Amino acid sequence: MIKEYSPLQVSPLKTGATFVRPVQNLPERVKLSDPATNVMTDLHKVAVVSVRAKTSMDKANAKMIRYGVRMLLVLDDSDQVAGLLTATDILGEKPMRFLQNMGGTHADILVRDIMTTQRELEVLKIADVQSAQVGQIVASLKKSHRQHALVVAEGADGKQAVCGLFSITQIARQLGAQAQSFELATTVAEIEAVIARG
């Protein structure tokens, strides 16, 4: 005997309806001795903002501004990680160097022309991050001279999937430093000043 199911009641969608977005609530304040996961953007909880390698630099910059981020994950046509694009890549010397070497205009520059490629990227493993402290992440970013770090989970087959990311600006904010500069050295110096006061 097949059970009869009754349909649910429906109602009209109201004008002005929005939709739920994934949210990760990180602690407002952290200490260097706190777990590193307290300052990691968890991509299981927050959608990463990405861009295609063939996108124009200007469109990528507009996307960063629209989403309020300073880093985009660059994807190839197969949705695999091709690289990373930061606000520093766009606002720094890379575009000018590209134009000097290749010619053209600012509008001709594509993401792939100025991004940090996949071959140049170093990542942190989630197993290490889960047992690390905030101070170790700050030290790792300082050592690599980067403002961002990607975190990967590795499957049994050895394939990596980016599952989290760290931003020195986010960490500085959570530590109570005023991280408004584009320069990593300034942000790290501000973190060190906060540490010294603490």
N, C-alpha and C. Protein backbone atom coordinates (compact mmCIF):
# COMPACT_ATOMS: atom_id res chain seq x y z
N MET A 1 0.84 -1.19 0.00
CA MET A 1 0.00 0.00 0.00
C MET A 1 0.90 1.26 0.00
N ILE A 2 0.65 2.17 -0.91
CA ILE A 2 1.43 3.41 -1.04
C ILE A 2 0.80 4.49 -0.19
N LYS A 3 1.63 5.13 0.62
CA LYS A 3 1.14 6.19 1.51
C LYS A 3 0.84 7.45 0.69
N GLU A 4 -0.25 8.09 1.02
CA GLU A 4 -0.62 9.36 0.40
C GLU A 4 0.05 10.50 1.17
N TYR A 5 0.67 11.40 0.44
CA TYR A 5 1.28 12.58 1.07
C TYR A 5 0.47 13.81 0.71
N SER A 6 0.21 14.63 1.71
CA SER A 6 -0.54 15.86 1.43
C SER A 6 0.43 16.99 1.11
N PRO A 7 0.11 17.81 0.13
CA PRO A 7 1.00 18.92 -0.23
C PRO A 7 1.02 19.98 0.86
N LEU A 8 2.13 20.70 0.93
CA LEU A 8 2.24 21.81 1.88
C LEU A 8 1.49 23.02 1.34
N GLN A 9 1.09 23.88 2.25
CA GLN A 9 0.41 25.11 1.86
C GLN A 9 1.43 26.06 1.24
N VAL A 10 1.07 26.72 0.16
CA VAL A 10 1.95 27.69 -0.49
C VAL A 10 1.43 29.09 -0.24
N SER A 11 2.33 30.07 -0.36
CA SER A 11 1.95 31.47 -0.23
C SER A 11 2.80 32.27 -1.20
N PRO A 12 2.35 33.46 -1.58
CA PRO A 12 3.11 34.25 -2.56
C PRO A 12 4.41 34.80 -1.95
N LEU A 13 5.44 34.93 -2.79
CA LEU A 13 6.69 35.57 -2.37
C LEU A 13 6.45 37.06 -2.32
N LYS A 14 6.76 37.68 -1.20
CA LYS A 14 6.50 39.11 -1.03
C LYS A 14 7.57 39.96 -1.72
N THR A 15 7.17 41.12 -2.17
CA THR A 15 8.09 42.08 -2.77
C THR A 15 9.15 42.46 -1.73
N GLY A 16 10.37 42.54 -2.16
CA GLY A 16 11.45 42.93 -1.25
C GLY A 16 12.07 41.76 -0.51
N ALA A 17 11.67 40.54 -0.87
CA ALA A 17 12.26 39.36 -0.21
C ALA A 17 13.75 39.28 -0.52
N THR A 18 14.52 38.87 0.44
CA THR A 18 15.96 38.67 0.24
C THR A 18 16.23 37.18 0.34
N PHE A 19 17.48 36.80 0.48
CA PHE A 19 17.78 35.38 0.65
C PHE A 19 18.88 35.22 1.69
N VAL A 20 18.94 34.05 2.26
CA VAL A 20 19.91 33.76 3.31
C VAL A 20 21.27 33.48 2.67
N ARG A 21 22.28 34.11 3.20
CA ARG A 21 23.65 33.87 2.75
C ARG A 21 24.39 33.16 3.88
N PRO A 22 25.37 32.33 3.50
CA PRO A 22 26.14 31.68 4.57
C PRO A 22 26.87 32.73 5.42
N VAL A 23 26.91 32.50 6.71
CA VAL A 23 27.52 33.45 7.64
C VAL A 23 28.47 32.71 8.56
N GLN A 24 29.62 33.30 8.77
CA GLN A 24 30.54 32.78 9.77
C GLN A 24 30.77 33.89 10.77
N ASN A 25 30.48 33.64 12.01
CA ASN A 25 30.69 34.64 13.04
C ASN A 25 32.01 34.38 13.74
N LEU A 26 33.03 35.16 13.37
CA LEU A 26 34.33 35.05 14.02
C LEU A 26 34.31 35.90 15.29
N PRO A 27 35.08 35.51 16.31
CA PRO A 27 35.13 36.33 17.52
C PRO A 27 35.63 37.74 17.19
N GLU A 28 35.04 38.73 17.86
CA GLU A 28 35.43 40.11 17.60
C GLU A 28 36.87 40.37 18.04
N ARG A 29 37.26 39.80 19.15
CA ARG A 29 38.62 39.99 19.69
C ARG A 29 39.27 38.65 19.93
N VAL A 30 40.53 38.54 19.56
CA VAL A 30 41.31 37.32 19.81
C VAL A 30 42.66 37.70 20.41
N LYS A 31 43.32 36.70 20.97
CA LYS A 31 44.70 36.84 21.45
C LYS A 31 45.57 35.94 20.58
N LEU A 32 46.85 36.20 20.57
CA LEU A 32 47.77 35.40 19.76
C LEU A 32 47.77 33.93 20.17
N SER A 33 47.40 33.67 21.43
CA SER A 33 47.39 32.29 21.92
C SER A 33 46.08 31.55 21.61
N ASP A 34 45.10 32.26 21.03
CA ASP A 34 43.82 31.63 20.68
C ASP A 34 43.99 30.67 19.51
N PRO A 35 43.04 29.74 19.34
CA PRO A 35 43.12 28.82 18.20
C PRO A 35 43.10 29.57 16.86
N ALA A 36 43.92 29.11 15.93
CA ALA A 36 44.02 29.75 14.62
C ALA A 36 42.68 29.75 13.89
N THR A 37 41.85 28.75 14.14
CA THR A 37 40.55 28.68 13.47
C THR A 37 39.64 29.86 13.84
N ASN A 38 39.97 30.57 14.94
CA ASN A 38 39.19 31.76 15.33
C ASN A 38 39.39 32.93 14.38
N VAL A 39 40.41 32.86 13.51
CA VAL A 39 40.66 33.95 12.56
C VAL A 39 40.64 33.46 11.11
N MET A 40 40.25 32.21 10.90
CA MET A 40 40.22 31.64 9.55
C MET A 40 38.83 31.79 8.94
N THR A 41 38.77 32.25 7.71
CA THR A 41 37.52 32.24 6.97
C THR A 41 37.31 30.81 6.50
N ASP A 42 36.25 30.18 7.00
CA ASP A 42 35.97 28.78 6.71
C ASP A 42 35.06 28.70 5.48
N LEU A 43 35.59 28.15 4.39
CA LEU A 43 34.84 28.11 3.14
C LEU A 43 33.70 27.09 3.15
N HIS A 44 33.58 26.33 4.25
CA HIS A 44 32.39 25.49 4.44
C HIS A 44 31.22 26.36 4.91
N LYS A 45 31.55 27.54 5.47
CA LYS A 45 30.52 28.41 6.04
C LYS A 45 30.32 29.70 5.26
N VAL A 46 31.32 30.12 4.49
CA VAL A 46 31.27 31.36 3.74
C VAL A 46 31.71 31.07 2.31
N ALA A 47 30.94 31.54 1.34
CA ALA A 47 31.31 31.32 -0.05
C ALA A 47 32.50 32.21 -0.42
N VAL A 48 33.48 31.60 -1.07
CA VAL A 48 34.65 32.37 -1.50
C VAL A 48 34.24 33.22 -2.71
N VAL A 49 34.83 34.39 -2.80
CA VAL A 49 34.59 35.25 -3.96
C VAL A 49 35.67 34.90 -4.98
N SER A 50 35.24 34.51 -6.17
CA SER A 50 36.20 34.06 -7.18
C SER A 50 36.03 34.84 -8.47
N VAL A 51 37.00 34.64 -9.36
CA VAL A 51 37.01 35.32 -10.66
C VAL A 51 37.70 34.38 -11.64
N ARG A 52 37.38 34.50 -12.90
CA ARG A 52 38.03 33.70 -13.94
C ARG A 52 39.34 34.39 -14.36
N ALA A 53 40.31 33.56 -14.76
CA ALA A 53 41.62 34.08 -15.16
C ALA A 53 41.53 35.02 -16.36
N LYS A 54 40.51 34.83 -17.22
CA LYS A 54 40.37 35.64 -18.44
C LYS A 54 39.55 36.92 -18.21
N THR A 55 39.16 37.19 -16.98
CA THR A 55 38.39 38.40 -16.66
C THR A 55 39.32 39.61 -16.71
N SER A 56 38.78 40.76 -17.09
CA SER A 56 39.60 41.97 -17.11
C SER A 56 39.94 42.38 -15.68
N MET A 57 41.11 42.99 -15.53
CA MET A 57 41.55 43.45 -14.21
C MET A 57 40.55 44.44 -13.63
N ASP A 58 40.00 45.31 -14.46
CA ASP A 58 39.06 46.32 -13.98
C ASP A 58 37.78 45.68 -13.44
N LYS A 59 37.28 44.62 -14.11
CA LYS A 59 36.10 43.92 -13.62
C LYS A 59 36.41 43.21 -12.30
N ALA A 60 37.60 42.64 -12.20
CA ALA A 60 38.00 41.97 -10.95
C ALA A 60 38.07 42.97 -9.81
N ASN A 61 38.62 44.14 -10.08
CA ASN A 61 38.71 45.19 -9.06
C ASN A 61 37.32 45.62 -8.62
N ALA A 62 36.41 45.78 -9.57
CA ALA A 62 35.03 46.16 -9.24
C ALA A 62 34.37 45.08 -8.38
N LYS A 63 34.68 43.82 -8.65
CA LYS A 63 34.11 42.72 -7.87
C LYS A 63 34.63 42.76 -6.44
N MET A 64 35.92 43.05 -6.26
CA MET A 64 36.49 43.17 -4.91
C MET A 64 35.77 44.26 -4.14
N ILE A 65 35.58 45.39 -4.78
CA ILE A 65 34.92 46.53 -4.13
C ILE A 65 33.48 46.16 -3.77
N ARG A 66 32.77 45.52 -4.72
CA ARG A 66 31.36 45.15 -4.49
C ARG A 66 31.21 44.20 -3.31
N TYR A 67 32.12 43.25 -3.18
CA TYR A 67 32.01 42.26 -2.10
C TYR A 67 32.80 42.64 -0.85
N GLY A 68 33.52 43.75 -0.89
CA GLY A 68 34.27 44.21 0.28
C GLY A 68 35.41 43.28 0.65
N VAL A 69 36.08 42.72 -0.36
CA VAL A 69 37.21 41.82 -0.12
C VAL A 69 38.46 42.37 -0.78
N ARG A 70 39.61 41.85 -0.35
CA ARG A 70 40.89 42.31 -0.91
C ARG A 70 41.62 41.17 -1.61
N MET A 71 40.90 40.05 -1.81
CA MET A 71 41.50 38.88 -2.47
C MET A 71 40.43 38.11 -3.21
N LEU A 72 40.77 37.65 -4.40
CA LEU A 72 39.87 36.79 -5.17
C LEU A 72 40.59 35.50 -5.50
N LEU A 73 39.90 34.39 -5.39
CA LEU A 73 40.44 33.12 -5.84
C LEU A 73 40.23 33.08 -7.35
N VAL A 74 41.29 32.80 -8.10
CA VAL A 74 41.20 32.78 -9.56
C VAL A 74 40.98 31.34 -10.02
N LEU A 75 39.93 31.14 -10.83
CA LEU A 75 39.58 29.80 -11.31
C LEU A 75 39.79 29.70 -12.81
N ASP A 76 40.18 28.49 -13.25
CA ASP A 76 40.29 28.25 -14.69
C ASP A 76 38.93 27.78 -15.20
N ASP A 77 38.86 27.39 -16.46
CA ASP A 77 37.59 27.00 -17.06
C ASP A 77 37.03 25.70 -16.49
N SER A 78 37.86 24.94 -15.76
CA SER A 78 37.41 23.68 -15.14
C SER A 78 37.11 23.85 -13.66
N ASP A 79 37.03 25.10 -13.21
CA ASP A 79 36.78 25.43 -11.80
C ASP A 79 37.90 24.95 -10.88
N GLN A 80 39.10 24.82 -11.42
CA GLN A 80 40.26 24.51 -10.59
C GLN A 80 41.00 25.80 -10.28
N VAL A 81 41.69 25.83 -9.14
CA VAL A 81 42.39 27.04 -8.72
C VAL A 81 43.56 27.32 -9.66
N ALA A 82 43.49 28.48 -10.31
CA ALA A 82 44.55 28.90 -11.23
C ALA A 82 45.51 29.86 -10.55
N GLY A 83 45.04 30.50 -9.48
CA GLY A 83 45.88 31.47 -8.79
C GLY A 83 45.09 32.30 -7.80
N LEU A 84 45.70 33.41 -7.44
CA LEU A 84 45.15 34.31 -6.43
C LEU A 84 45.37 35.74 -6.93
N LEU A 85 44.39 36.59 -6.76
CA LEU A 85 44.51 38.00 -7.14
C LEU A 85 44.20 38.83 -5.91
N THR A 86 45.12 39.73 -5.56
CA THR A 86 44.91 40.59 -4.40
C THR A 86 44.78 42.04 -4.83
N ALA A 87 44.27 42.86 -3.94
CA ALA A 87 44.17 44.29 -4.20
C ALA A 87 45.55 44.87 -4.47
N THR A 88 46.57 44.34 -3.80
CA THR A 88 47.94 44.81 -4.02
C THR A 88 48.39 44.52 -5.44
N ASP A 89 47.97 43.36 -5.99
CA ASP A 89 48.31 43.05 -7.39
C ASP A 89 47.74 44.10 -8.32
N ILE A 90 46.52 44.54 -8.05
CA ILE A 90 45.85 45.51 -8.92
C ILE A 90 46.38 46.92 -8.71
N LEU A 91 46.61 47.29 -7.44
CA LEU A 91 46.99 48.67 -7.12
C LEU A 91 48.49 48.90 -7.09
N GLY A 92 49.27 47.81 -7.16
CA GLY A 92 50.72 47.92 -7.09
C GLY A 92 51.38 48.11 -8.45
N GLU A 93 52.60 47.61 -8.57
CA GLU A 93 53.41 47.81 -9.78
C GLU A 93 53.09 46.84 -10.91
N LYS A 94 52.45 45.72 -10.62
CA LYS A 94 52.25 44.67 -11.64
C LYS A 94 51.57 45.17 -12.92
N PRO A 95 50.48 45.95 -12.82
CA PRO A 95 49.85 46.42 -14.07
C PRO A 95 50.80 47.27 -14.92
N MET A 96 51.55 48.16 -14.28
CA MET A 96 52.47 49.03 -15.02
C MET A 96 53.58 48.21 -15.68
N ARG A 97 54.12 47.23 -14.93
CA ARG A 97 55.16 46.37 -15.49
C ARG A 97 54.63 45.59 -16.68
N PHE A 98 53.39 45.09 -16.57
CA PHE A 98 52.79 44.34 -17.67
C PHE A 98 52.69 45.21 -18.92
N LEU A 99 52.20 46.45 -18.76
CA LEU A 99 52.05 47.36 -19.90
C LEU A 99 53.40 47.74 -20.50
N GLN A 100 54.43 47.91 -19.66
CA GLN A 100 55.76 48.22 -20.18
C GLN A 100 56.31 47.07 -21.01
N ASN A 101 56.06 45.84 -20.59
CA ASN A 101 56.58 44.66 -21.29
C ASN A 101 55.73 44.27 -22.50
N MET A 102 54.42 44.40 -22.40
CA MET A 102 53.52 43.88 -23.42
C MET A 102 52.84 44.95 -24.27
N GLY A 103 52.84 46.19 -23.79
CA GLY A 103 52.12 47.24 -24.50
C GLY A 103 50.65 47.17 -24.21
N GLY A 104 49.87 47.98 -24.90
CA GLY A 104 48.43 47.98 -24.70
C GLY A 104 48.01 49.06 -23.72
N THR A 105 46.75 48.95 -23.29
CA THR A 105 46.20 49.92 -22.35
C THR A 105 45.78 49.22 -21.07
N HIS A 106 45.47 50.01 -20.09
CA HIS A 106 45.01 49.50 -18.79
C HIS A 106 43.84 48.54 -18.97
N ALA A 107 42.93 48.86 -19.89
CA ALA A 107 41.74 48.04 -20.11
C ALA A 107 42.07 46.66 -20.70
N ASP A 108 43.28 46.51 -21.26
CA ASP A 108 43.69 45.23 -21.87
C ASP A 108 44.19 44.22 -20.84
N ILE A 109 44.47 44.66 -19.62
CA ILE A 109 45.07 43.77 -18.62
C ILE A 109 44.03 42.80 -18.09
N LEU A 110 44.38 41.51 -18.14
CA LEU A 110 43.51 40.46 -17.62
C LEU A 110 44.03 39.98 -16.27
N VAL A 111 43.16 39.33 -15.51
CA VAL A 111 43.53 38.79 -14.20
C VAL A 111 44.78 37.91 -14.33
N ARG A 112 44.81 37.04 -15.33
CA ARG A 112 45.94 36.10 -15.48
C ARG A 112 47.27 36.82 -15.70
N ASP A 113 47.23 38.08 -16.16
CA ASP A 113 48.45 38.83 -16.42
C ASP A 113 49.14 39.32 -15.16
N ILE A 114 48.38 39.46 -14.07
CA ILE A 114 48.96 40.04 -12.85
C ILE A 114 48.76 39.19 -11.60
N MET A 115 48.04 38.07 -11.72
CA MET A 115 47.77 37.23 -10.54
C MET A 115 49.02 36.48 -10.09
N THR A 116 48.97 35.96 -8.87
CA THR A 116 49.96 35.00 -8.40
C THR A 116 49.46 33.65 -8.87
N THR A 117 50.26 32.96 -9.66
CA THR A 117 49.80 31.70 -10.27
C THR A 117 49.80 30.57 -9.25
N GLN A 118 49.05 29.54 -9.57
CA GLN A 118 48.95 28.35 -8.73
C GLN A 118 50.34 27.79 -8.42
N ARG A 119 51.24 27.79 -9.40
CA ARG A 119 52.60 27.26 -9.19
C ARG A 119 53.39 28.05 -8.15
N GLU A 120 53.04 29.32 -7.97
CA GLU A 120 53.75 30.18 -7.02
C GLU A 120 53.15 30.14 -5.61
N LEU A 121 51.97 29.53 -5.47
CA LEU A 121 51.26 29.56 -4.19
C LEU A 121 51.72 28.46 -3.25
N GLU A 122 51.87 28.84 -2.00
CA GLU A 122 52.13 27.89 -0.92
C GLU A 122 50.88 27.88 -0.04
N VAL A 123 50.56 26.73 0.51
CA VAL A 123 49.33 26.61 1.29
C VAL A 123 49.63 26.00 2.66
N LEU A 124 48.70 26.21 3.57
CA LEU A 124 48.75 25.59 4.89
C LEU A 124 47.78 24.42 4.88
N LYS A 125 48.10 23.35 5.58
CA LYS A 125 47.22 22.19 5.64
C LYS A 125 46.27 22.35 6.82
N ILE A 126 45.00 22.00 6.62
CA ILE A 126 43.98 22.18 7.64
C ILE A 126 44.32 21.43 8.92
N ALA A 127 44.94 20.27 8.81
CA ALA A 127 45.31 19.52 10.02
C ALA A 127 46.29 20.32 10.88
N ASP A 128 47.23 21.03 10.24
CA ASP A 128 48.18 21.87 10.99
C ASP A 128 47.46 23.09 11.59
N VAL A 129 46.57 23.69 10.81
CA VAL A 129 45.85 24.88 11.25
C VAL A 129 44.98 24.56 12.47
N GLN A 130 44.35 23.39 12.47
CA GLN A 130 43.44 23.04 13.56
C GLN A 130 44.15 22.90 14.91
N SER A 131 45.46 22.71 14.88
CA SER A 131 46.20 22.62 16.15
C SER A 131 47.12 23.83 16.36
N ALA A 132 46.97 24.86 15.51
CA ALA A 132 47.83 26.04 15.58
C ALA A 132 47.16 27.17 16.36
N GLN A 133 47.97 28.18 16.68
CA GLN A 133 47.48 29.37 17.37
C GLN A 133 47.56 30.56 16.43
N VAL A 134 46.81 31.60 16.75
CA VAL A 134 46.77 32.82 15.94
C VAL A 134 48.19 33.34 15.69
N GLY A 135 49.03 33.34 16.72
CA GLY A 135 50.40 33.85 16.59
C GLY A 135 51.20 33.11 15.53
N GLN A 136 50.94 31.82 15.38
CA GLN A 136 51.65 31.04 14.36
C GLN A 136 51.22 31.45 12.95
N ILE A 137 49.96 31.82 12.80
CA ILE A 137 49.47 32.27 11.49
C ILE A 137 50.10 33.62 11.16
N VAL A 138 50.15 34.52 12.14
CA VAL A 138 50.80 35.82 11.93
C VAL A 138 52.26 35.61 11.53
N ALA A 139 52.96 34.71 12.24
CA ALA A 139 54.37 34.44 11.93
C ALA A 139 54.51 33.85 10.52
N SER A 140 53.59 32.98 10.13
CA SER A 140 53.63 32.37 8.79
C SER A 140 53.43 33.42 7.70
N LEU A 141 52.46 34.32 7.89
CA LEU A 141 52.21 35.38 6.91
C LEU A 141 53.41 36.32 6.82
N LYS A 142 53.98 36.64 7.98
CA LYS A 142 55.14 37.54 8.00
C LYS A 142 56.32 36.89 7.27
N LYS A 143 56.56 35.61 7.53
CA LYS A 143 57.69 34.90 6.89
C LYS A 143 57.52 34.84 5.38
N SER A 144 56.28 34.63 4.91
CA SER A 144 56.04 34.51 3.46
C SER A 144 55.89 35.87 2.77
N HIS A 145 55.87 36.96 3.55
CA HIS A 145 55.67 38.32 3.02
C HIS A 145 54.37 38.40 2.22
N ARG A 146 53.33 37.73 2.71
CA ARG A 146 52.03 37.74 2.04
C ARG A 146 50.96 38.25 3.00
N GLN A 147 49.89 38.79 2.41
CA GLN A 147 48.77 39.28 3.21
C GLN A 147 47.69 38.22 3.39
N HIS A 148 47.77 37.15 2.59
CA HIS A 148 46.76 36.09 2.64
C HIS A 148 47.44 34.72 2.63
N ALA A 149 46.75 33.75 3.22
CA ALA A 149 47.22 32.37 3.16
C ALA A 149 46.01 31.48 2.88
N LEU A 150 46.21 30.54 1.98
CA LEU A 150 45.16 29.57 1.68
C LEU A 150 45.35 28.34 2.55
N VAL A 151 44.23 27.73 2.95
CA VAL A 151 44.26 26.50 3.74
C VAL A 151 43.62 25.41 2.90
N VAL A 152 44.28 24.25 2.84
CA VAL A 152 43.75 23.15 2.03
C VAL A 152 43.49 21.90 2.87
N ALA A 153 42.50 21.16 2.41
CA ALA A 153 42.25 19.80 2.92
C ALA A 153 42.73 18.87 1.81
N GLU A 154 43.36 17.79 2.20
CA GLU A 154 43.88 16.86 1.21
C GLU A 154 43.13 15.54 1.31
N GLY A 155 42.61 15.07 0.18
CA GLY A 155 41.88 13.81 0.15
C GLY A 155 42.84 12.63 0.16
N ALA A 156 42.30 11.42 0.31
CA ALA A 156 43.10 10.19 0.32
C ALA A 156 43.86 10.04 -1.00
N ASP A 157 43.29 10.62 -2.08
CA ASP A 157 43.93 10.53 -3.39
C ASP A 157 45.02 11.60 -3.58
N GLY A 158 45.24 12.43 -2.56
CA GLY A 158 46.28 13.46 -2.64
C GLY A 158 45.79 14.77 -3.24
N LYS A 159 44.55 14.81 -3.73
CA LYS A 159 44.02 16.05 -4.31
C LYS A 159 43.72 17.05 -3.20
N GLN A 160 44.02 18.30 -3.49
CA GLN A 160 43.80 19.37 -2.52
C GLN A 160 42.53 20.15 -2.86
N ALA A 161 41.84 20.61 -1.81
CA ALA A 161 40.70 21.50 -1.97
C ALA A 161 40.89 22.66 -0.99
N VAL A 162 40.83 23.87 -1.51
CA VAL A 162 40.96 25.05 -0.64
C VAL A 162 39.71 25.10 0.24
N CYS A 163 39.92 25.06 1.56
CA CYS A 163 38.78 25.02 2.50
C CYS A 163 38.77 26.20 3.46
N GLY A 164 39.79 27.04 3.39
CA GLY A 164 39.83 28.19 4.28
C GLY A 164 40.86 29.19 3.82
N LEU A 165 40.82 30.37 4.42
CA LEU A 165 41.84 31.36 4.11
C LEU A 165 42.04 32.30 5.29
N PHE A 166 43.24 32.85 5.33
CA PHE A 166 43.59 33.83 6.35
C PHE A 166 43.90 35.15 5.66
N SER A 167 43.54 36.24 6.31
CA SER A 167 43.83 37.58 5.83
C SER A 167 44.48 38.35 6.97
N ILE A 168 45.66 38.93 6.71
CA ILE A 168 46.36 39.68 7.75
C ILE A 168 45.51 40.86 8.23
N THR A 169 44.72 41.44 7.32
CA THR A 169 43.85 42.56 7.70
C THR A 169 42.78 42.09 8.68
N GLN A 170 42.17 40.94 8.41
CA GLN A 170 41.14 40.38 9.30
C GLN A 170 41.75 40.05 10.66
N ILE A 171 42.92 39.43 10.65
CA ILE A 171 43.58 39.05 11.92
C ILE A 171 43.92 40.30 12.72
N ALA A 172 44.45 41.32 12.05
CA ALA A 172 44.80 42.57 12.75
C ALA A 172 43.56 43.18 13.39
N ARG A 173 42.45 43.17 12.66
CA ARG A 173 41.20 43.73 13.19
C ARG A 173 40.78 42.96 14.44
N GLN A 174 40.86 41.64 14.39
CA GLN A 174 40.45 40.83 15.54
C GLN A 174 41.42 40.97 16.72
N LEU A 175 42.68 41.29 16.43
CA LEU A 175 43.65 41.52 17.50
C LEU A 175 43.54 42.93 18.07
N GLY A 176 42.80 43.80 17.38
CA GLY A 176 42.62 45.16 17.87
C GLY A 176 43.56 46.16 17.23
N ALA A 177 44.26 45.77 16.16
CA ALA A 177 45.15 46.70 15.44
C ALA A 177 44.35 47.43 14.37
N GLN A 178 44.78 48.62 14.03
CA GLN A 178 44.12 49.37 12.96
C GLN A 178 44.80 49.03 11.64
N ALA A 179 44.27 48.07 10.93
CA ALA A 179 44.89 47.61 9.68
C ALA A 179 44.23 48.27 8.49
N GLN A 180 44.62 49.50 8.22
CA GLN A 180 44.00 50.22 7.11
C GLN A 180 44.96 50.41 5.95
N SER A 181 46.21 50.05 6.15
CA SER A 181 47.21 50.24 5.11
C SER A 181 47.22 49.07 4.14
N PHE A 182 47.66 49.32 2.92
CA PHE A 182 47.80 48.24 1.94
C PHE A 182 49.08 47.46 2.18
N GLU A 183 50.00 48.02 2.92
CA GLU A 183 51.31 47.41 3.06
C GLU A 183 51.34 46.39 4.19
N LEU A 184 51.83 45.20 3.88
CA LEU A 184 51.94 44.13 4.86
C LEU A 184 52.82 44.55 6.03
N ALA A 185 53.94 45.20 5.74
CA ALA A 185 54.88 45.59 6.81
C ALA A 185 54.18 46.46 7.84
N THR A 186 53.36 47.37 7.38
CA THR A 186 52.64 48.26 8.29
C THR A 186 51.67 47.45 9.15
N THR A 187 50.95 46.54 8.53
CA THR A 187 49.97 45.74 9.27
C THR A 187 50.66 44.87 10.32
N VAL A 188 51.75 44.22 9.93
CA VAL A 188 52.49 43.39 10.88
C VAL A 188 53.06 44.25 12.00
N ALA A 189 53.57 45.43 11.65
CA ALA A 189 54.10 46.34 12.68
C ALA A 189 52.99 46.74 13.65
N GLU A 190 51.80 46.97 13.14
CA GLU A 190 50.67 47.32 14.01
C GLU A 190 50.32 46.15 14.93
N ILE A 191 50.34 44.94 14.38
CA ILE A 191 50.08 43.76 15.21
C ILE A 191 51.13 43.66 16.29
N GLU A 192 52.40 43.85 15.92
CA GLU A 192 53.48 43.77 16.91
C GLU A 192 53.33 44.85 17.98
N ALA A 193 52.85 46.04 17.60
CA ALA A 193 52.62 47.12 18.57
C ALA A 193 51.51 46.71 19.55
N VAL A 194 50.46 46.10 19.04
CA VAL A 194 49.36 45.63 19.89
C VAL A 194 49.88 44.57 20.87
N ILE A 195 50.73 43.68 20.36
CA ILE A 195 51.32 42.63 21.19
C ILE A 195 52.15 43.26 22.31
N ALA A 196 52.95 44.25 21.96
CA ALA A 196 53.81 44.91 22.93
C ALA A 196 52.99 45.59 24.04
N ARG A 197 51.85 46.19 23.65
CA ARG A 197 50.97 46.85 24.63
C ARG A 197 50.28 45.83 25.51
N GLY A 198 49.97 44.65 24.88
CA GLY A 198 49.16 43.64 25.57
C GLY A 198 49.88 43.06 26.74
